[in-house]
């Protein structure tokens, strides 16, 4: 996942066809993204 972080500006996570979050890549960690993907983190926050 670090390769992805090195080439993007923002990360958008969709789960079950719904937008979960859009985050600036510099404000989240890989662990945060995994939480959004798995549903462990329920925050819907847009940057």
N, C-alpha and C. Protein backbone atom coordinates (compact mmCIF):
# COMPACT_ATOMS: atom_id res chain seq x y z
N UNK A 1 0.82 -1.18 0.00
CA UNK A 1 0.00 0.00 0.00
C UNK A 1 0.87 1.26 0.00
N UNK A 2 2.08 1.19 0.49
CA UNK A 2 2.95 2.37 0.51
C UNK A 2 3.23 2.89 -0.90
N UNK A 3 3.26 2.00 -1.88
CA UNK A 3 3.45 2.43 -3.27
C UNK A 3 2.29 3.34 -3.69
N UNK A 4 1.10 2.98 -3.32
CA UNK A 4 -0.07 3.80 -3.64
C UNK A 4 0.06 5.17 -2.99
N UNK A 5 0.46 5.20 -1.73
CA UNK A 5 0.62 6.46 -1.01
C UNK A 5 1.65 7.36 -1.69
N UNK A 6 2.62 6.78 -2.35
CA UNK A 6 3.68 7.59 -2.97
C UNK A 6 3.27 8.21 -4.30
N UNK A 7 2.16 7.77 -4.90
CA UNK A 7 1.80 8.30 -6.22
C UNK A 7 0.45 9.03 -6.27
N UNK A 8 -0.28 9.08 -5.17
CA UNK A 8 -1.59 9.73 -5.18
C UNK A 8 -1.62 10.94 -4.25
N UNK A 9 -2.61 11.81 -4.48
CA UNK A 9 -2.83 12.97 -3.62
C UNK A 9 -3.95 12.72 -2.61
N UNK A 10 -4.97 11.98 -3.07
CA UNK A 10 -6.12 11.70 -2.22
C UNK A 10 -6.46 10.22 -2.31
N UNK A 11 -7.10 9.73 -1.28
CA UNK A 11 -7.56 8.34 -1.25
C UNK A 11 -9.07 8.35 -1.05
N UNK A 12 -9.77 7.64 -1.94
CA UNK A 12 -11.22 7.51 -1.84
C UNK A 12 -11.52 6.05 -1.54
N UNK A 13 -12.35 5.83 -0.53
CA UNK A 13 -12.72 4.46 -0.16
C UNK A 13 -14.22 4.30 -0.39
N UNK A 14 -14.55 3.28 -1.18
CA UNK A 14 -15.94 2.90 -1.41
C UNK A 14 -16.14 1.53 -0.78
N UNK A 15 -17.29 1.33 -0.16
CA UNK A 15 -17.62 0.01 0.38
C UNK A 15 -19.08 -0.26 0.08
N UNK A 16 -19.33 -1.39 -0.57
CA UNK A 16 -20.69 -1.80 -0.95
C UNK A 16 -21.39 -0.72 -1.77
N UNK A 17 -20.63 -0.07 -2.63
CA UNK A 17 -21.19 0.94 -3.53
C UNK A 17 -21.41 2.30 -2.91
N UNK A 18 -20.99 2.49 -1.67
CA UNK A 18 -21.18 3.78 -1.01
C UNK A 18 -19.84 4.41 -0.68
N UNK A 19 -19.80 5.72 -0.85
CA UNK A 19 -18.60 6.48 -0.51
C UNK A 19 -18.42 6.49 1.00
N UNK A 20 -17.29 6.02 1.45
CA UNK A 20 -16.98 6.01 2.88
C UNK A 20 -16.18 7.23 3.27
N UNK A 21 -15.15 7.54 2.49
CA UNK A 21 -14.33 8.70 2.82
C UNK A 21 -13.47 9.10 1.63
N UNK A 22 -13.10 10.37 1.61
CA UNK A 22 -12.08 10.89 0.71
C UNK A 22 -11.11 11.65 1.61
N UNK A 23 -9.85 11.23 1.59
CA UNK A 23 -8.87 11.81 2.50
C UNK A 23 -7.62 12.26 1.75
N UNK A 24 -7.02 13.32 2.23
CA UNK A 24 -5.70 13.73 1.75
C UNK A 24 -4.71 12.65 2.19
N UNK A 25 -3.89 12.19 1.28
CA UNK A 25 -2.98 11.08 1.57
C UNK A 25 -2.00 11.41 2.70
N UNK A 26 -1.75 12.68 2.92
CA UNK A 26 -0.80 13.08 3.97
C UNK A 26 -1.45 13.14 5.36
N UNK A 27 -2.77 12.98 5.41
CA UNK A 27 -3.48 13.07 6.69
C UNK A 27 -3.96 11.73 7.22
N UNK A 28 -3.70 10.64 6.48
CA UNK A 28 -4.13 9.31 6.93
C UNK A 28 -2.96 8.34 6.87
N UNK A 29 -3.08 7.28 7.62
CA UNK A 29 -2.07 6.21 7.58
C UNK A 29 -2.65 5.02 6.83
N UNK A 30 -1.80 4.09 6.48
CA UNK A 30 -2.26 2.86 5.84
C UNK A 30 -3.23 2.13 6.76
N UNK A 31 -2.97 2.16 8.06
CA UNK A 31 -3.88 1.52 9.02
C UNK A 31 -5.27 2.17 8.99
N UNK A 32 -5.30 3.50 8.87
CA UNK A 32 -6.59 4.20 8.77
C UNK A 32 -7.36 3.72 7.54
N UNK A 33 -6.68 3.62 6.42
CA UNK A 33 -7.32 3.20 5.18
C UNK A 33 -7.87 1.79 5.31
N UNK A 34 -7.13 0.90 5.92
CA UNK A 34 -7.60 -0.47 6.13
C UNK A 34 -8.86 -0.46 7.00
N UNK A 35 -8.89 0.39 8.01
CA UNK A 35 -10.08 0.49 8.87
C UNK A 35 -11.29 0.96 8.07
N UNK A 36 -11.09 1.94 7.18
CA UNK A 36 -12.19 2.40 6.33
C UNK A 36 -12.66 1.29 5.40
N UNK A 37 -11.73 0.55 4.82
CA UNK A 37 -12.07 -0.52 3.88
C UNK A 37 -12.85 -1.63 4.57
N UNK A 38 -12.45 -1.99 5.78
CA UNK A 38 -13.07 -3.11 6.48
C UNK A 38 -14.33 -2.73 7.25
N UNK A 39 -14.54 -1.43 7.43
CA UNK A 39 -15.71 -1.00 8.19
C UNK A 39 -15.43 -0.81 9.67
N UNK A 40 -14.21 -1.01 10.09
CA UNK A 40 -13.86 -0.82 11.50
C UNK A 40 -13.95 0.65 11.89
N UNK A 41 -13.74 1.53 10.93
CA UNK A 41 -13.83 2.98 11.15
C UNK A 41 -15.06 3.47 10.40
N UNK A 42 -16.00 4.09 11.10
CA UNK A 42 -17.27 4.48 10.50
C UNK A 42 -17.35 5.96 10.17
N UNK A 43 -16.26 6.66 10.22
CA UNK A 43 -16.24 8.10 9.96
C UNK A 43 -16.43 8.35 8.47
N UNK A 44 -17.34 9.26 8.16
CA UNK A 44 -17.50 9.71 6.78
C UNK A 44 -17.03 11.16 6.77
N UNK A 45 -15.85 11.36 6.23
CA UNK A 45 -15.22 12.68 6.26
C UNK A 45 -14.61 12.95 4.90
N UNK A 46 -14.90 14.11 4.37
CA UNK A 46 -14.34 14.48 3.07
C UNK A 46 -13.33 15.59 3.25
N UNK A 47 -12.30 15.55 2.44
CA UNK A 47 -11.29 16.61 2.44
C UNK A 47 -11.54 17.50 1.26
